[in-house]
Amino acid sequence: FPDRWRQPLYRFGQRLLHTLAAPPATYLL
């Protein structure tokens, strides 16, 4: 997975889980 897509995806995943108040767990986006 190219880094130019990896970093935006990481940022989106972090924002999504933070906004949803996700408890500690393993998630699949």
Full PDB file with SEQRES, HELIX, SHEET, SSBOND, CRYST1, ORIGX, SCALE, CONECT and MASTER records, all heavy atoms in Angstrom:
SEQRES   1 A   29  PHE PRO ASP ARG TRP ARG GLN PRO LEU TYR ARG PHE GLY          
SEQRES   2 A   29  GLN ARG LEU LEU HIS THR LEU ALA ALA PRO PRO ALA THR          
SEQRES   3 A   29  TYR LEU LEU                                                  
HELIX    1 AA1 ASP A    3  THR A   19  1                                  17    
CRYST1    1.000    1.000    1.000  90.00  90.00  90.00 P 1           1          
ORIGX1      1.000000  0.000000  0.000000        0.00000                         
ORIGX2      0.000000  1.000000  0.000000        0.00000                         
ORIGX3      0.000000  0.000000  1.000000        0.00000                         
SCALE1      1.000000  0.000000  0.000000        0.00000                         
SCALE2      0.000000  1.000000  0.000000        0.00000                         
SCALE3      0.000000  0.000000  1.000000        0.00000                         
ATOM      1  N   PHE A   1       0.852  -1.186   0.000  1.00  0.00           N  
ATOM      2  CA  PHE A   1       0.000   0.000   0.000  1.00  0.00           C  
ATOM      3  C   PHE A   1       0.884   1.231   0.000  1.00  0.00           C  
ATOM      4  O   PHE A   1       1.613   1.478   0.963  1.00  0.00           O  
ATOM      5  CB  PHE A   1      -0.905  -0.031   1.240  1.00  0.00           C  
ATOM      6  CG  PHE A   1      -2.181   0.740   1.086  1.00  0.00           C  
ATOM      7  CD1 PHE A   1      -3.130   0.362   0.157  1.00  0.00           C  
ATOM      8  CD2 PHE A   1      -2.422   1.860   1.871  1.00  0.00           C  
ATOM      9  CE1 PHE A   1      -4.309   1.077   0.016  1.00  0.00           C  
ATOM     10  CE2 PHE A   1      -3.595   2.581   1.733  1.00  0.00           C  
ATOM     11  CZ  PHE A   1      -4.543   2.187   0.798  1.00  0.00           C  
ATOM     12  N   PRO A   2       0.848   2.028  -1.065  1.00  0.00           N  
ATOM     13  CA  PRO A   2       1.741   3.193  -1.170  1.00  0.00           C  
ATOM     14  C   PRO A   2       1.546   4.173  -0.020  1.00  0.00           C  
ATOM     15  O   PRO A   2       0.439   4.366   0.477  1.00  0.00           O  
ATOM     16  CB  PRO A   2       1.328   3.831  -2.513  1.00  0.00           C  
ATOM     17  CG  PRO A   2       0.668   2.728  -3.279  1.00  0.00           C  
ATOM     18  CD  PRO A   2      -0.005   1.864  -2.250  1.00  0.00           C  
ATOM     19  N   ASP A   3       2.639   4.798   0.370  1.00  0.00           N  
ATOM     20  CA  ASP A   3       2.600   5.720   1.503  1.00  0.00           C  
ATOM     21  C   ASP A   3       1.708   6.924   1.240  1.00  0.00           C  
ATOM     22  O   ASP A   3       1.126   7.485   2.164  1.00  0.00           O  
ATOM     23  CB  ASP A   3       4.018   6.197   1.834  1.00  0.00           C  
ATOM     24  CG  ASP A   3       4.083   6.905   3.180  1.00  0.00           C  
ATOM     25  OD1 ASP A   3       3.790   6.254   4.194  1.00  0.00           O  
ATOM     26  OD2 ASP A   3       4.403   8.103   3.202  1.00  0.00           O  
ATOM     27  N   ARG A   4       1.557   7.304  -0.016  1.00  0.00           N  
ATOM     28  CA  ARG A   4       0.714   8.469  -0.318  1.00  0.00           C  
ATOM     29  C   ARG A   4      -0.755   8.207   0.004  1.00  0.00           C  
ATOM     30  O   ARG A   4      -1.538   9.146   0.175  1.00  0.00           O  
ATOM     31  CB  ARG A   4       0.866   8.863  -1.790  1.00  0.00           C  
ATOM     32  CG  ARG A   4       0.306   7.857  -2.795  1.00  0.00           C  
ATOM     33  CD  ARG A   4       0.501   8.366  -4.208  1.00  0.00           C  
ATOM     34  NE  ARG A   4      -0.038   7.476  -5.213  1.00  0.00           N  
ATOM     35  CZ  ARG A   4       0.588   6.431  -5.722  1.00  0.00           C  
ATOM     36  NH1 ARG A   4       1.822   6.151  -5.308  1.00  0.00           N  
ATOM     37  NH2 ARG A   4       0.022   5.655  -6.626  1.00  0.00           N  
ATOM     38  N   TRP A   5      -1.135   6.906   0.088  1.00  0.00           N  
ATOM     39  CA  TRP A   5      -2.491   6.559   0.501  1.00  0.00           C  
ATOM     40  C   TRP A   5      -2.523   6.107   1.952  1.00  0.00           C  
ATOM     41  O   TRP A   5      -3.546   6.239   2.623  1.00  0.00           O  
ATOM     42  CB  TRP A   5      -3.039   5.435  -0.393  1.00  0.00           C  
ATOM     43  CG  TRP A   5      -3.206   5.846  -1.810  1.00  0.00           C  
ATOM     44  CD1 TRP A   5      -2.505   5.381  -2.892  1.00  0.00           C  
ATOM     45  CD2 TRP A   5      -4.126   6.817  -2.317  1.00  0.00           C  
ATOM     46  NE1 TRP A   5      -2.929   6.000  -4.041  1.00  0.00           N  
ATOM     47  CE2 TRP A   5      -3.939   6.881  -3.708  1.00  0.00           C  
ATOM     48  CE3 TRP A   5      -5.091   7.631  -1.726  1.00  0.00           C  
ATOM     49  CZ2 TRP A   5      -4.668   7.747  -4.513  1.00  0.00           C  
ATOM     50  CZ3 TRP A   5      -5.820   8.488  -2.528  1.00  0.00           C  
ATOM     51  CH2 TRP A   5      -5.605   8.537  -3.902  1.00  0.00           C  
ATOM     52  N   ARG A   6      -1.407   5.585   2.417  1.00  0.00           N  
ATOM     53  CA  ARG A   6      -1.356   5.054   3.774  1.00  0.00           C  
ATOM     54  C   ARG A   6      -1.594   6.147   4.821  1.00  0.00           C  
ATOM     55  O   ARG A   6      -2.407   5.986   5.734  1.00  0.00           O  
ATOM     56  CB  ARG A   6       0.010   4.391   4.007  1.00  0.00           C  
ATOM     57  CG  ARG A   6       0.138   3.651   5.325  1.00  0.00           C  
ATOM     58  CD  ARG A   6       1.570   3.162   5.501  1.00  0.00           C  
ATOM     59  NE  ARG A   6       1.961   2.275   4.424  1.00  0.00           N  
ATOM     60  CZ  ARG A   6       1.811   0.959   4.452  1.00  0.00           C  
ATOM     61  NH1 ARG A   6       1.276   0.395   5.513  1.00  0.00           N  
ATOM     62  NH2 ARG A   6       2.209   0.215   3.437  1.00  0.00           N  
ATOM     63  N   GLN A   7      -0.912   7.262   4.685  1.00  0.00           N  
ATOM     64  CA  GLN A   7      -1.015   8.314   5.701  1.00  0.00           C  
ATOM     65  C   GLN A   7      -2.404   8.951   5.759  1.00  0.00           C  
ATOM     66  O   GLN A   7      -2.954   9.138   6.857  1.00  0.00           O  
ATOM     67  CB  GLN A   7       0.069   9.379   5.463  1.00  0.00           C  
ATOM     68  CG  GLN A   7       1.492   8.869   5.646  1.00  0.00           C  
ATOM     69  CD  GLN A   7       1.702   8.223   7.005  1.00  0.00           C  
ATOM     70  OE1 GLN A   7       1.202   8.725   8.024  1.00  0.00           O  
ATOM     71  NE2 GLN A   7       2.448   7.122   7.052  1.00  0.00           N  
ATOM     72  N   PRO A   8      -3.040   9.282   4.619  1.00  0.00           N  
ATOM     73  CA  PRO A   8      -4.418   9.789   4.690  1.00  0.00           C  
ATOM     74  C   PRO A   8      -5.378   8.786   5.301  1.00  0.00           C  
ATOM     75  O   PRO A   8      -6.302   9.161   6.034  1.00  0.00           O  
ATOM     76  CB  PRO A   8      -4.773  10.077   3.231  1.00  0.00           C  
ATOM     77  CG  PRO A   8      -3.468  10.287   2.550  1.00  0.00           C  
ATOM     78  CD  PRO A   8      -2.509   9.372   3.242  1.00  0.00           C  
ATOM     79  N   LEU A   9      -5.159   7.493   5.016  1.00  0.00           N  
ATOM     80  CA  LEU A   9      -6.028   6.466   5.580  1.00  0.00           C  
ATOM     81  C   LEU A   9      -5.838   6.365   7.088  1.00  0.00           C  
ATOM     82  O   LEU A   9      -6.813   6.230   7.842  1.00  0.00           O  
ATOM     83  CB  LEU A   9      -5.741   5.120   4.913  1.00  0.00           C  
ATOM     84  CG  LEU A   9      -6.701   3.975   5.259  1.00  0.00           C  
ATOM     85  CD1 LEU A   9      -8.118   4.292   4.788  1.00  0.00           C  
ATOM     86  CD2 LEU A   9      -6.219   2.674   4.608  1.00  0.00           C  
ATOM     87  N   TYR A  10      -4.591   6.438   7.541  1.00  0.00           N  
ATOM     88  CA  TYR A  10      -4.321   6.422   8.977  1.00  0.00           C  
ATOM     89  C   TYR A  10      -5.016   7.586   9.672  1.00  0.00           C  
ATOM     90  O   TYR A  10      -5.646   7.422  10.731  1.00  0.00           O  
ATOM     91  CB  TYR A  10      -2.814   6.526   9.235  1.00  0.00           C  
ATOM     92  CG  TYR A  10      -2.009   5.280   8.934  1.00  0.00           C  
ATOM     93  CD1 TYR A  10      -0.624   5.278   9.088  1.00  0.00           C  
ATOM     94  CD2 TYR A  10      -2.621   4.114   8.478  1.00  0.00           C  
ATOM     95  CE1 TYR A  10       0.132   4.147   8.818  1.00  0.00           C  
ATOM     96  CE2 TYR A  10      -1.870   2.989   8.191  1.00  0.00           C  
ATOM     97  CZ  TYR A  10      -0.494   3.006   8.363  1.00  0.00           C  
ATOM     98  OH  TYR A  10       0.256   1.899   8.090  1.00  0.00           O  
ATOM     99  N   ARG A  11      -4.889   8.768   9.075  1.00  0.00           N  
ATOM    100  CA  ARG A  11      -5.503   9.949   9.694  1.00  0.00           C  
ATOM    101  C   ARG A  11      -7.027   9.814   9.751  1.00  0.00           C  
ATOM    102  O   ARG A  11      -7.649  10.179  10.759  1.00  0.00           O  
ATOM    103  CB  ARG A  11      -5.097  11.212   8.925  1.00  0.00           C  
ATOM    104  CG  ARG A  11      -3.639  11.596   9.100  1.00  0.00           C  
ATOM    105  CD  ARG A  11      -3.382  12.999   8.600  1.00  0.00           C  
ATOM    106  NE  ARG A  11      -3.567  13.095   7.148  1.00  0.00           N  
ATOM    107  CZ  ARG A  11      -2.602  12.899   6.257  1.00  0.00           C  
ATOM    108  NH1 ARG A  11      -1.375  12.585   6.658  1.00  0.00           N  
ATOM    109  NH2 ARG A  11      -2.833  13.039   4.976  1.00  0.00           N  
ATOM    110  N   PHE A  12      -7.604   9.298   8.678  1.00  0.00           N  
ATOM    111  CA  PHE A  12      -9.052   9.114   8.671  1.00  0.00           C  
ATOM    112  C   PHE A  12      -9.472   8.092   9.717  1.00  0.00           C  
ATOM    113  O   PHE A  12     -10.449   8.294  10.455  1.00  0.00           O  
ATOM    114  CB  PHE A  12      -9.528   8.657   7.290  1.00  0.00           C  
ATOM    115  CG  PHE A  12     -10.949   8.172   7.280  1.00  0.00           C  
ATOM    116  CD1 PHE A  12     -12.006   9.055   7.405  1.00  0.00           C  
ATOM    117  CD2 PHE A  12     -11.231   6.809   7.174  1.00  0.00           C  
ATOM    118  CE1 PHE A  12     -13.320   8.605   7.418  1.00  0.00           C  
ATOM    119  CE2 PHE A  12     -12.535   6.354   7.191  1.00  0.00           C  
ATOM    120  CZ  PHE A  12     -13.579   7.262   7.303  1.00  0.00           C  
ATOM    121  N   GLY A  13      -8.762   6.964   9.798  1.00  0.00           N  
ATOM    122  CA  GLY A  13      -9.107   5.934  10.776  1.00  0.00           C  
ATOM    123  C   GLY A  13      -9.024   6.443  12.203  1.00  0.00           C  
ATOM    124  O   GLY A  13      -9.894   6.157  13.028  1.00  0.00           O  
ATOM    125  N   GLN A  14      -7.988   7.213  12.499  1.00  0.00           N  
ATOM    126  CA  GLN A  14      -7.846   7.758  13.843  1.00  0.00           C  
ATOM    127  C   GLN A  14      -8.974   8.733  14.155  1.00  0.00           C  
ATOM    128  O   GLN A  14      -9.555   8.708  15.246  1.00  0.00           O  
ATOM    129  CB  GLN A  14      -6.495   8.453  13.992  1.00  0.00           C  
ATOM    130  CG  GLN A  14      -6.237   8.973  15.398  1.00  0.00           C  
ATOM    131  CD  GLN A  14      -4.828   9.518  15.562  1.00  0.00           C  
ATOM    132  OE1 GLN A  14      -4.167   9.864  14.594  1.00  0.00           O  
ATOM    133  NE2 GLN A  14      -4.356   9.588  16.794  1.00  0.00           N  
ATOM    134  N   ARG A  15      -9.301   9.570  13.184  1.00  0.00           N  
ATOM    135  CA  ARG A  15     -10.378  10.540  13.400  1.00  0.00           C  
ATOM    136  C   ARG A  15     -11.723   9.831  13.570  1.00  0.00           C  
ATOM    137  O   ARG A  15     -12.539  10.209  14.417  1.00  0.00           O  
ATOM    138  CB  ARG A  15     -10.436  11.506  12.219  1.00  0.00           C  
ATOM    139  CG  ARG A  15     -11.422  12.664  12.417  1.00  0.00           C  
ATOM    140  CD  ARG A  15     -11.438  13.559  11.208  1.00  0.00           C  
ATOM    141  NE  ARG A  15     -12.437  14.617  11.354  1.00  0.00           N  
ATOM    142  CZ  ARG A  15     -12.867  15.366  10.354  1.00  0.00           C  
ATOM    143  NH1 ARG A  15     -12.389  15.177   9.132  1.00  0.00           N  
ATOM    144  NH2 ARG A  15     -13.780  16.289  10.568  1.00  0.00           N  
ATOM    145  N   LEU A  16     -11.948   8.790  12.775  1.00  0.00           N  
ATOM    146  CA  LEU A  16     -13.205   8.047  12.850  1.00  0.00           C  
ATOM    147  C   LEU A  16     -13.383   7.409  14.215  1.00  0.00           C  
ATOM    148  O   LEU A  16     -14.424   7.570  14.864  1.00  0.00           O  
ATOM    149  CB  LEU A  16     -13.236   6.969  11.759  1.00  0.00           C  
ATOM    150  CG  LEU A  16     -14.424   6.004  11.777  1.00  0.00           C  
ATOM    151  CD1 LEU A  16     -15.725   6.749  11.492  1.00  0.00           C  
ATOM    152  CD2 LEU A  16     -14.211   4.885  10.757  1.00  0.00           C  
ATOM    153  N   LEU A  17     -12.378   6.689  14.685  1.00  0.00           N  
ATOM    154  CA  LEU A  17     -12.486   6.000  15.963  1.00  0.00           C  
ATOM    155  C   LEU A  17     -12.545   6.982  17.131  1.00  0.00           C  
ATOM    156  O   LEU A  17     -13.260   6.741  18.108  1.00  0.00           O  
ATOM    157  CB  LEU A  17     -11.319   5.029  16.141  1.00  0.00           C  
ATOM    158  CG  LEU A  17     -11.305   3.833  15.174  1.00  0.00           C  
ATOM    159  CD1 LEU A  17     -10.112   2.932  15.457  1.00  0.00           C  
ATOM    160  CD2 LEU A  17     -12.590   3.034  15.277  1.00  0.00           C  
ATOM    161  N   HIS A  18     -11.807   8.070  17.026  1.00  0.00           N  
ATOM    162  CA  HIS A  18     -11.854   9.076  18.085  1.00  0.00           C  
ATOM    163  C   HIS A  18     -13.247   9.704  18.168  1.00  0.00           C  
ATOM    164  O   HIS A  18     -13.796   9.877  19.270  1.00  0.00           O  
ATOM    165  CB  HIS A  18     -10.805  10.149  17.829  1.00  0.00           C  
ATOM    166  CG  HIS A  18     -10.818  11.262  18.842  1.00  0.00           C  
ATOM    167  ND1 HIS A  18     -10.332  11.108  20.117  1.00  0.00           N  
ATOM    168  CD2 HIS A  18     -11.297  12.538  18.771  1.00  0.00           C  
ATOM    169  CE1 HIS A  18     -10.487  12.241  20.787  1.00  0.00           C  
ATOM    170  NE2 HIS A  18     -11.075  13.117  19.994  1.00  0.00           N  
ATOM    171  N   THR A  19     -13.825  10.029  17.024  1.00  0.00           N  
ATOM    172  CA  THR A  19     -15.142  10.656  16.995  1.00  0.00           C  
ATOM    173  C   THR A  19     -16.221   9.715  17.508  1.00  0.00           C  
ATOM    174  O   THR A  19     -17.182  10.139  18.154  1.00  0.00           O  
ATOM    175  CB  THR A  19     -15.484  11.120  15.569  1.00  0.00           C  
ATOM    176  OG1 THR A  19     -14.435  11.958  15.074  1.00  0.00           O  
ATOM    177  CG2 THR A  19     -16.801  11.893  15.543  1.00  0.00           C  
ATOM    178  N   LEU A  20     -16.064   8.420  17.237  1.00  0.00           N  
ATOM    179  CA  LEU A  20     -17.036   7.424  17.686  1.00  0.00           C  
ATOM    180  C   LEU A  20     -16.792   6.983  19.126  1.00  0.00           C  
ATOM    181  O   LEU A  20     -17.516   6.120  19.633  1.00  0.00           O  
ATOM    182  CB  LEU A  20     -16.997   6.202  16.767  1.00  0.00           C  
ATOM    183  CG  LEU A  20     -17.504   6.412  15.333  1.00  0.00           C  
ATOM    184  CD1 LEU A  20     -17.254   5.158  14.502  1.00  0.00           C  
ATOM    185  CD2 LEU A  20     -18.988   6.767  15.333  1.00  0.00           C  
ATOM    186  N   ALA A  21     -15.794   7.570  19.791  1.00  0.00           N  
ATOM    187  CA  ALA A  21     -15.456   7.213  21.177  1.00  0.00           C  
ATOM    188  C   ALA A  21     -15.241   5.715  21.313  1.00  0.00           C  
ATOM    189  O   ALA A  21     -15.775   5.051  22.211  1.00  0.00           O  
ATOM    190  CB  ALA A  21     -16.556   7.692  22.130  1.00  0.00           C  
ATOM    191  N   ALA A  22     -14.439   5.169  20.429  1.00  0.00           N  
ATOM    192  CA  ALA A  22     -14.206   3.728  20.390  1.00  0.00           C  
ATOM    193  C   ALA A  22     -13.416   3.264  21.610  1.00  0.00           C  
ATOM    194  O   ALA A  22     -12.403   3.856  21.960  1.00  0.00           O  
ATOM    195  CB  ALA A  22     -13.451   3.355  19.118  1.00  0.00           C  
ATOM    196  N   PRO A  23     -13.868   2.187  22.256  1.00  0.00           N  
ATOM    197  CA  PRO A  23     -13.095   1.610  23.366  1.00  0.00           C  
ATOM    198  C   PRO A  23     -11.920   0.804  22.825  1.00  0.00           C  
ATOM    199  O   PRO A  23     -11.887   0.457  21.638  1.00  0.00           O  
ATOM    200  CB  PRO A  23     -14.122   0.705  24.055  1.00  0.00           C  
ATOM    201  CG  PRO A  23     -15.063   0.305  22.968  1.00  0.00           C  
ATOM    202  CD  PRO A  23     -15.148   1.494  22.049  1.00  0.00           C  
ATOM    203  N   PRO A  24     -10.925   0.498  23.660  1.00  0.00           N  
ATOM    204  CA  PRO A  24      -9.785  -0.291  23.199  1.00  0.00           C  
ATOM    205  C   PRO A  24     -10.227  -1.631  22.603  1.00  0.00           C  
ATOM    206  O   PRO A  24     -11.008  -2.366  23.206  1.00  0.00           O  
ATOM    207  CB  PRO A  24      -8.955  -0.496  24.466  1.00  0.00           C  
ATOM    208  CG  PRO A  24      -9.289   0.689  25.316  1.00  0.00           C  
ATOM    209  CD  PRO A  24     -10.750   0.950  25.061  1.00  0.00           C  
ATOM    210  N   ALA A  25      -9.737  -1.929  21.425  1.00  0.00           N  
ATOM    211  CA  ALA A  25     -10.081  -3.164  20.708  1.00  0.00           C  
ATOM    212  C   ALA A  25      -9.311  -3.168  19.397  1.00  0.00           C  
ATOM    213  O   ALA A  25      -8.619  -2.204  19.056  1.00  0.00           O  
ATOM    214  CB  ALA A  25     -11.586  -3.245  20.440  1.00  0.00           C  
ATOM    215  N   THR A  26      -9.436  -4.258  18.655  1.00  0.00           N  
ATOM    216  CA  THR A  26      -8.896  -4.323  17.299  1.00  0.00           C  
ATOM    217  C   THR A  26     -10.034  -4.089  16.320  1.00  0.00           C  
ATOM    218  O   THR A  26     -11.055  -4.789  16.368  1.00  0.00           O  
ATOM    219  CB  THR A  26      -8.244  -5.689  17.030  1.00  0.00           C  
ATOM    220  OG1 THR A  26      -7.061  -5.816  17.834  1.00  0.00           O  
ATOM    221  CG2 THR A  26      -7.843  -5.826  15.571  1.00  0.00           C  
ATOM    222  N   TYR A  27      -9.853  -3.122  15.439  1.00  0.00           N  
ATOM    223  CA  TYR A  27     -10.875  -2.749  14.467  1.00  0.00           C  
ATOM    224  C   TYR A  27     -10.384  -3.028  13.055  1.00  0.00           C  
ATOM    225  O   TYR A  27      -9.183  -2.969  12.773  1.00  0.00           O  
ATOM    226  CB  TYR A  27     -11.217  -1.258  14.598  1.00  0.00           C  
ATOM    227  CG  TYR A  27     -11.822  -0.900  15.930  1.00  0.00           C  
ATOM    228  CD1 TYR A  27     -11.002  -0.630  17.039  1.00  0.00           C  
ATOM    229  CD2 TYR A  27     -13.201  -0.848  16.103  1.00  0.00           C  
ATOM    230  CE1 TYR A  27     -11.554  -0.316  18.271  1.00  0.00           C  
ATOM    231  CE2 TYR A  27     -13.759  -0.534  17.340  1.00  0.00           C  
ATOM    232  CZ  TYR A  27     -12.931  -0.271  18.415  1.00  0.00           C  
ATOM    233  OH  TYR A  27     -13.486   0.033  19.638  1.00  0.00           O  
ATOM    234  N   LEU A  28     -11.325  -3.324  12.173  1.00  0.00           N  
ATOM    235  CA  LEU A  28     -11.020  -3.441  10.753  1.00  0.00           C  
ATOM    236  C   LEU A  28     -11.772  -2.343  10.013  1.00  0.00           C  
ATOM    237  O   LEU A  28     -13.010  -2.328   9.999  1.00  0.00           O  
ATOM    238  CB  LEU A  28     -11.428  -4.814  10.203  1.00  0.00           C  
ATOM    239  CG  LEU A  28     -10.643  -6.032  10.698  1.00  0.00           C  
ATOM    240  CD1 LEU A  28     -11.061  -7.278   9.913  1.00  0.00           C  
ATOM    241  CD2 LEU A  28      -9.144  -5.829  10.581  1.00  0.00           C  
ATOM    242  N   LEU A  29     -11.021  -1.433   9.420  1.00  0.00           N  
ATOM    243  CA  LEU A  29     -11.603  -0.375   8.612  1.00  0.00           C  
ATOM    244  C   LEU A  29     -11.664  -0.865   7.174  1.00  0.00           C  
ATOM    245  O   LEU A  29     -10.638  -1.017   6.508  1.00  0.00           O  
ATOM    246  CB  LEU A  29     -10.739   0.892   8.723  1.00  0.00           C  
ATOM    247  CG  LEU A  29     -11.098   2.069   7.817  1.00  0.00           C  
ATOM    248  CD1 LEU A  29     -12.536   2.529   8.063  1.00  0.00           C  
ATOM    249  CD2 LEU A  29     -10.118   3.206   8.020  1.00  0.00           C  
TER     250      LEU A  29                                                      
MASTER        0    0    0    1    0    0    0    6  249    1    0    3          
END                                                                             
